[in-house]
Amino acid sequence: METHIAPVLFLFLIFLIVLPGIHSIKTFDHLSVQSGGSATIPCHYEEKYKNHIKYWCKGLLFAICSTVVRSDSSESEGDVSIADDPDQLVFSVTMRNLQRWDTNRYWCAVEIGGITVKDDHASIFLTVHTGEKFTTTQQTGLTFSSTLVMQSSTTIKGNSNTLR
């Protein structure tokens, strides 16, 4: 009987650690920005997270990403700032003076608390390049109307951007 418990326990642990859950955070899937420019990324969240700490994390995998800025500490860290608008259920991260080395996966995240409960999160891949084309990749999912402003005199107009 004990030989059946180990595989079941292993699968349960994999489910808790690796497989993504149903996320309550929404943002763009991908954003391209010109080198030297700025971007403001909206991170939409559900009402239940209104009073939670929000943060911005950098890294390929959420489990090992590095926190860049948090809503409960200094609202700015170098060229990155975070602002929470609980009335609109959105926090925004602004990154200024973006350079090619800033190209990476970033995470909008909400601190849930506790060891057994993973923080809720959504990722966006930011590409910084020297060209002039700016895009957001549309994914199936919830649709929000947002405007992203690039301080390098370029605007992504907010028509209907689909967030995941």
C-alpha atoms as a PDB file:
ATOM      1  CA  MET A   1       0.000   0.000   0.000  1.00  0.00           C
ATOM      2  CA  GLU A   2       2.854   2.438   0.779  1.00  0.00           C
ATOM      3  CA  THR A   3       4.238   2.138  -2.766  1.00  0.00           C
ATOM      4  CA  HIS A   4       1.100   3.869  -4.104  1.00  0.00           C
ATOM      5  CA  ILE A   5       1.333   6.829  -1.727  1.00  0.00           C
ATOM      6  CA  ALA A   6       4.716   8.096  -2.948  1.00  0.00           C
ATOM      7  CA  PRO A   7       3.657   8.643  -6.608  1.00  0.00           C
ATOM      8  CA  VAL A   8       0.408  10.291  -5.542  1.00  0.00           C
ATOM      9  CA  LEU A   9       2.251  12.577  -3.116  1.00  0.00           C
ATOM     10  CA  PHE A  10       4.802  13.409  -5.827  1.00  0.00           C
ATOM     11  CA  LEU A  11       2.054  14.344  -8.311  1.00  0.00           C
ATOM     12  CA  PHE A  12       0.321  16.448  -5.676  1.00  0.00           C
ATOM     13  CA  LEU A  13       3.551  18.352  -4.961  1.00  0.00           C
ATOM     14  CA  ILE A  14       4.134  18.918  -8.685  1.00  0.00           C
ATOM     15  CA  PHE A  15       0.585  20.256  -8.956  1.00  0.00           C
ATOM     16  CA  LEU A  16       1.145  22.702  -6.079  1.00  0.00           C
ATOM     17  CA  ILE A  17       4.577  23.896  -7.199  1.00  0.00           C
ATOM     18  CA  VAL A  18       4.693  23.773 -10.982  1.00  0.00           C
ATOM     19  CA  LEU A  19       1.264  23.882 -12.557  1.00  0.00           C
ATOM     20  CA  PRO A  20      -0.288  27.328 -12.820  1.00  0.00           C
ATOM     21  CA  GLY A  21      -3.567  27.950 -11.097  1.00  0.00           C
ATOM     22  CA  ILE A  22      -6.418  30.171 -12.081  1.00  0.00           C
ATOM     23  CA  HIS A  23      -4.894  33.602 -11.872  1.00  0.00           C
ATOM     24  CA  SER A  24      -6.786  36.699 -10.852  1.00  0.00           C
ATOM     25  CA  ILE A  25      -4.151  39.094 -12.197  1.00  0.00           C
ATOM     26  CA  LYS A  26      -4.345  40.306 -15.806  1.00  0.00           C
ATOM     27  CA  THR A  27      -1.829  42.160 -17.961  1.00  0.00           C
ATOM     28  CA  PHE A  28      -0.497  42.192 -21.496  1.00  0.00           C
ATOM     29  CA  ASP A  29       1.334  39.127 -22.763  1.00  0.00           C
ATOM     30  CA  HIS A  30       4.103  41.020 -24.574  1.00  0.00           C
ATOM     31  CA  LEU A  31       5.253  44.602 -24.999  1.00  0.00           C
ATOM     32  CA  SER A  32       7.978  46.035 -27.241  1.00  0.00           C
ATOM     33  CA  VAL A  33       9.568  49.351 -26.342  1.00  0.00           C
ATOM     34  CA  GLN A  34      12.237  51.479 -27.994  1.00  0.00           C
ATOM     35  CA  SER A  35      15.583  51.761 -26.204  1.00  0.00           C
ATOM     36  CA  GLY A  36      15.654  54.859 -24.001  1.00  0.00           C
ATOM     37  CA  GLY A  37      11.856  54.945 -23.822  1.00  0.00           C
ATOM     38  CA  SER A  38       9.439  54.325 -20.982  1.00  0.00           C
ATOM     39  CA  ALA A  39       6.478  52.041 -20.470  1.00  0.00           C
ATOM     40  CA  THR A  40       3.612  51.936 -18.003  1.00  0.00           C
ATOM     41  CA  ILE A  41       2.209  48.444 -17.567  1.00  0.00           C
ATOM     42  CA  PRO A  42      -1.277  48.042 -16.043  1.00  0.00           C
ATOM     43  CA  CYS A  43      -1.822  45.045 -13.760  1.00  0.00           C
ATOM     44  CA  HIS A  44      -5.538  44.457 -13.194  1.00  0.00           C
ATOM     45  CA  TYR A  45      -6.618  42.475 -10.136  1.00  0.00           C
ATOM     46  CA  GLU A  46      -9.798  41.244  -8.474  1.00  0.00           C
ATOM     47  CA  GLU A  47     -11.609  42.990  -5.614  1.00  0.00           C
ATOM     48  CA  LYS A  48     -10.384  40.361  -3.133  1.00  0.00           C
ATOM     49  CA  TYR A  49      -6.818  41.719  -3.568  1.00  0.00           C
ATOM     50  CA  LYS A  50      -7.711  45.362  -2.962  1.00  0.00           C
ATOM     51  CA  ASN A  51      -5.839  45.560   0.365  1.00  0.00           C
ATOM     52  CA  HIS A  52      -2.965  43.220  -0.508  1.00  0.00           C
ATOM     53  CA  ILE A  53       0.631  44.190  -1.232  1.00  0.00           C
ATOM     54  CA  LYS A  54       1.438  44.376  -4.945  1.00  0.00           C
ATOM     55  CA  TYR A  55       4.884  43.914  -6.453  1.00  0.00           C
ATOM     56  CA  TRP A  56       6.848  43.750  -9.717  1.00  0.00           C
ATOM     57  CA  CYS A  57       9.242  40.875 -10.220  1.00  0.00           C
ATOM     58  CA  LYS A  58      11.854  40.128 -12.922  1.00  0.00           C
ATOM     59  CA  GLY A  59      12.931  36.686 -14.130  1.00  0.00           C
ATOM     60  CA  LEU A  60      12.123  33.788 -16.404  1.00  0.00           C
ATOM     61  CA  LEU A  61      10.280  31.773 -13.724  1.00  0.00           C
ATOM     62  CA  PHE A  62       8.014  33.273 -11.085  1.00  0.00           C
ATOM     63  CA  ALA A  63       9.312  30.931  -8.385  1.00  0.00           C
ATOM     64  CA  ILE A  64      12.808  32.430  -8.652  1.00  0.00           C
ATOM     65  CA  CYS A  65      12.155  35.969  -9.893  1.00  0.00           C
ATOM     66  CA  SER A  66      13.747  39.001  -8.215  1.00  0.00           C
ATOM     67  CA  THR A  67      11.453  41.624  -6.734  1.00  0.00           C
ATOM     68  CA  VAL A  68      12.122  45.012  -8.326  1.00  0.00           C
ATOM     69  CA  VAL A  69       9.620  47.207  -6.475  1.00  0.00           C
ATOM     70  CA  ARG A  70       6.792  46.712  -3.939  1.00  0.00           C
ATOM     71  CA  SER A  71       3.769  48.794  -3.035  1.00  0.00           C
ATOM     72  CA  ASP A  72       4.537  48.606   0.702  1.00  0.00           C
ATOM     73  CA  SER A  73       8.053  50.043   0.505  1.00  0.00           C
ATOM     74  CA  SER A  74       9.492  52.921  -1.472  1.00  0.00           C
ATOM     75  CA  GLU A  75       7.211  53.351  -4.456  1.00  0.00           C
ATOM     76  CA  SER A  76      10.266  53.852  -6.655  1.00  0.00           C
ATOM     77  CA  GLU A  77      13.453  51.868  -7.185  1.00  0.00           C
ATOM     78  CA  GLY A  78      15.763  53.602  -9.639  1.00  0.00           C
ATOM     79  CA  ASP A  79      13.929  53.938 -12.944  1.00  0.00           C
ATOM     80  CA  VAL A  80      11.017  51.718 -11.842  1.00  0.00           C
ATOM     81  CA  SER A  81       7.968  52.851  -9.877  1.00  0.00           C
ATOM     82  CA  ILE A  82       4.714  51.225  -8.775  1.00  0.00           C
ATOM     83  CA  ALA A  83       1.358  52.868  -8.062  1.00  0.00           C
ATOM     84  CA  ASP A  84      -1.766  51.102  -6.800  1.00  0.00           C
ATOM     85  CA  ASP A  85      -5.260  52.401  -7.556  1.00  0.00           C
ATOM     86  CA  PRO A  86      -7.561  50.220  -5.430  1.00  0.00           C
ATOM     87  CA  ASP A  87     -10.675  52.071  -6.623  1.00  0.00           C
ATOM     88  CA  GLN A  88      -9.938  50.953 -10.203  1.00  0.00           C
ATOM     89  CA  LEU A  89      -8.526  47.547  -9.104  1.00  0.00           C
ATOM     90  CA  VAL A  90      -5.287  48.130 -10.993  1.00  0.00           C
ATOM     91  CA  PHE A  91      -1.689  48.758 -10.094  1.00  0.00           C
ATOM     92  CA  SER A  92       0.668  50.240 -12.626  1.00  0.00           C
ATOM     93  CA  VAL A  93       4.392  49.795 -13.032  1.00  0.00           C
ATOM     94  CA  THR A  94       6.356  52.470 -14.864  1.00  0.00           C
ATOM     95  CA  MET A  95       9.807  51.657 -16.208  1.00  0.00           C
ATOM     96  CA  ARG A  96      11.867  54.578 -17.515  1.00  0.00           C
ATOM     97  CA  ASN A  97      15.021  54.805 -19.613  1.00  0.00           C
ATOM     98  CA  LEU A  98      14.655  51.209 -20.800  1.00  0.00           C
ATOM     99  CA  GLN A  99      17.728  49.557 -22.316  1.00  0.00           C
ATOM    100  CA  ARG A 100      18.253  46.336 -24.261  1.00  0.00           C
ATOM    101  CA  TRP A 101      19.408  44.533 -21.096  1.00  0.00           C
ATOM    102  CA  ASP A 102      15.975  45.213 -19.581  1.00  0.00           C
ATOM    103  CA  THR A 103      14.511  42.714 -22.066  1.00  0.00           C
ATOM    104  CA  ASN A 104      13.106  39.948 -19.860  1.00  0.00           C
ATOM    105  CA  ARG A 105       9.987  38.341 -18.430  1.00  0.00           C
ATOM    106  CA  TYR A 106       8.367  40.414 -15.692  1.00  0.00           C
ATOM    107  CA  TRP A 107       5.597  39.526 -13.265  1.00  0.00           C
ATOM    108  CA  CYS A 108       2.694  41.525 -11.861  1.00  0.00           C
ATOM    109  CA  ALA A 109       2.143  39.900  -8.478  1.00  0.00           C
ATOM    110  CA  VAL A 110      -0.050  40.154  -5.403  1.00  0.00           C
ATOM    111  CA  GLU A 111       1.218  38.911  -2.059  1.00  0.00           C
ATOM    112  CA  ILE A 112      -1.190  36.375  -0.610  1.00  0.00           C
ATOM    113  CA  GLY A 113       0.788  35.408   2.470  1.00  0.00           C
ATOM    114  CA  GLY A 114       1.572  32.096   4.048  1.00  0.00           C
ATOM    115  CA  ILE A 115       3.956  29.326   3.093  1.00  0.00           C
ATOM    116  CA  THR A 116       1.405  26.990   1.536  1.00  0.00           C
ATOM    117  CA  VAL A 117      -0.341  29.588  -0.650  1.00  0.00           C
ATOM    118  CA  LYS A 118       1.461  30.878  -3.726  1.00  0.00           C
ATOM    119  CA  ASP A 119       1.234  34.600  -4.534  1.00  0.00           C
ATOM    120  CA  ASP A 120      -1.058  35.345  -7.458  1.00  0.00           C
ATOM    121  CA  HIS A 121       0.708  36.618 -10.579  1.00  0.00           C
ATOM    122  CA  ALA A 122       0.654  37.234 -14.327  1.00  0.00           C
ATOM    123  CA  SER A 123       3.611  37.609 -16.652  1.00  0.00           C
ATOM    124  CA  ILE A 124       4.527  39.981 -19.434  1.00  0.00           C
ATOM    125  CA  PHE A 125       7.536  39.669 -21.722  1.00  0.00           C
ATOM    126  CA  LEU A 126       9.161  43.047 -22.296  1.00  0.00           C
ATOM    127  CA  THR A 127      11.376  43.491 -25.352  1.00  0.00           C
ATOM    128  CA  VAL A 128      13.549  46.599 -25.630  1.00  0.00           C
ATOM    129  CA  HIS A 129      14.880  47.274 -29.125  1.00  0.00           C
ATOM    130  CA  THR A 130      16.270  50.064 -31.280  1.00  0.00           C
ATOM    131  CA  GLY A 131      13.503  49.895 -33.910  1.00  0.00           C
ATOM    132  CA  GLU A 132      10.341  51.951 -34.030  1.00  0.00           C
ATOM    133  CA  LYS A 133       7.588  49.324 -33.970  1.00  0.00           C
ATOM    134  CA  PHE A 134       5.587  48.950 -30.770  1.00  0.00           C
ATOM    135  CA  THR A 135       3.192  46.057 -30.283  1.00  0.00           C
ATOM    136  CA  THR A 136       1.155  44.253 -27.701  1.00  0.00           C
ATOM    137  CA  THR A 137       0.355  40.616 -28.311  1.00  0.00           C
ATOM    138  CA  GLN A 138      -3.282  39.756 -27.927  1.00  0.00           C
ATOM    139  CA  GLN A 139      -4.280  36.594 -26.103  1.00  0.00           C
ATOM    140  CA  THR A 140      -7.684  35.099 -25.540  1.00  0.00           C
ATOM    141  CA  GLY A 141      -9.132  36.080 -22.221  1.00  0.00           C
ATOM    142  CA  LEU A 142     -10.558  39.094 -20.474  1.00  0.00           C
ATOM    143  CA  THR A 143     -10.617  42.338 -22.437  1.00  0.00           C
ATOM    144  CA  PHE A 144      -9.771  45.704 -20.909  1.00  0.00           C
ATOM    145  CA  SER A 145      -9.381  49.102 -22.458  1.00  0.00           C
ATOM    146  CA  SER A 146      -5.977  50.566 -21.573  1.00  0.00           C
ATOM    147  CA  THR A 147      -3.562  53.143 -22.862  1.00  0.00           C
ATOM    148  CA  LEU A 148       0.193  52.719 -22.725  1.00  0.00           C
ATOM    149  CA  VAL A 149       2.248  55.851 -23.184  1.00  0.00           C
ATOM    150  CA  MET A 150       5.858  55.722 -24.299  1.00  0.00           C
ATOM    151  CA  GLN A 151       7.711  58.835 -23.201  1.00  0.00           C
ATOM    152  CA  SER A 152       9.852  58.633 -26.314  1.00  0.00           C
ATOM    153  CA  SER A 153       7.026  60.400 -28.189  1.00  0.00           C
ATOM    154  CA  THR A 154       5.211  57.185 -29.099  1.00  0.00           C
ATOM    155  CA  THR A 155       1.811  56.053 -27.864  1.00  0.00           C
ATOM    156  CA  ILE A 156       0.162  52.674 -28.066  1.00  0.00           C
ATOM    157  CA  LYS A 157      -3.470  53.593 -28.393  1.00  0.00           C
ATOM    158  CA  GLY A 158      -5.739  51.772 -26.043  1.00  0.00           C
ATOM    159  CA  ASN A 159      -8.421  50.405 -28.307  1.00  0.00           C
ATOM    160  CA  SER A 160      -9.412  47.009 -27.013  1.00  0.00           C
ATOM    161  CA  ASN A 161      -6.287  45.295 -25.743  1.00  0.00           C
ATOM    162  CA  THR A 162      -6.849  41.733 -24.680  1.00  0.00           C
ATOM    163  CA  LEU A 163      -5.211  40.793 -21.413  1.00  0.00           C
ATOM    164  CA  ARG A 164      -4.480  37.311 -20.215  1.00  0.00           C
END
